[in-house]
Amino acid sequence: MNKRKGQVWVFDDNVDTDQILPGYAMAEDFSGLARYAMAGSKQADFAVRVQPGDIIVAGKNFGCGSSREQAPVALQAAGVSLIIAESFARIFRRNAINIGLPVLVAELRPHVQNGDRIAANLEQGIVSTADREVAAQALSANVLATINAGGLINRVRQELGISKD
């Protein structure tokens, strides 16, 4: 559960929440957000081309802008299994972890391009490309527990012995 493999989608620095999920999609129910994922970005066809397990690789300040929690929800619903960036906006990072979407900090963008396949070990903080291993900030035991539970609400339910029903 602490490993992810997938095809890479490369994005620039300062990808804000309006690019991740444009404002006009905010009226959608959570179940319909996937079709708007990255619609405001330079790769506006992302939502129709992304495959389950795909991985976003970006530069600095991914998820900046508003605190809209729907942005990571849209990415996860579209099939994104991991986001790797040089840095994240604090609230985006927290929102992603809270829904069970892992985020790793690493300088990977210079080593990959769209369509490459990579593997990441979340616990060890290692990302493997076709020709190298890149160090990432390993996720803490607390964050991993939240990710593995499927998000913060699920983790609290598990810890309290409350079923989802």
Foldseek 3Di string as FASTA:
>chain_A
DQKAKAFEDEDEAPAELCQQANPVCVVPDLLPLQCQGRCNDPPNCCSVPDDARYEYEYEYAPHDDDLDLSSLSNVVSSRHQEYEYLYYDVSNQQSCLQQLRYYKHWDCNVPDHGGFMWMARQQQQWIGGPPDITGIPRDDPVSVLQNVLRHDVSSVCVVVVHDPD
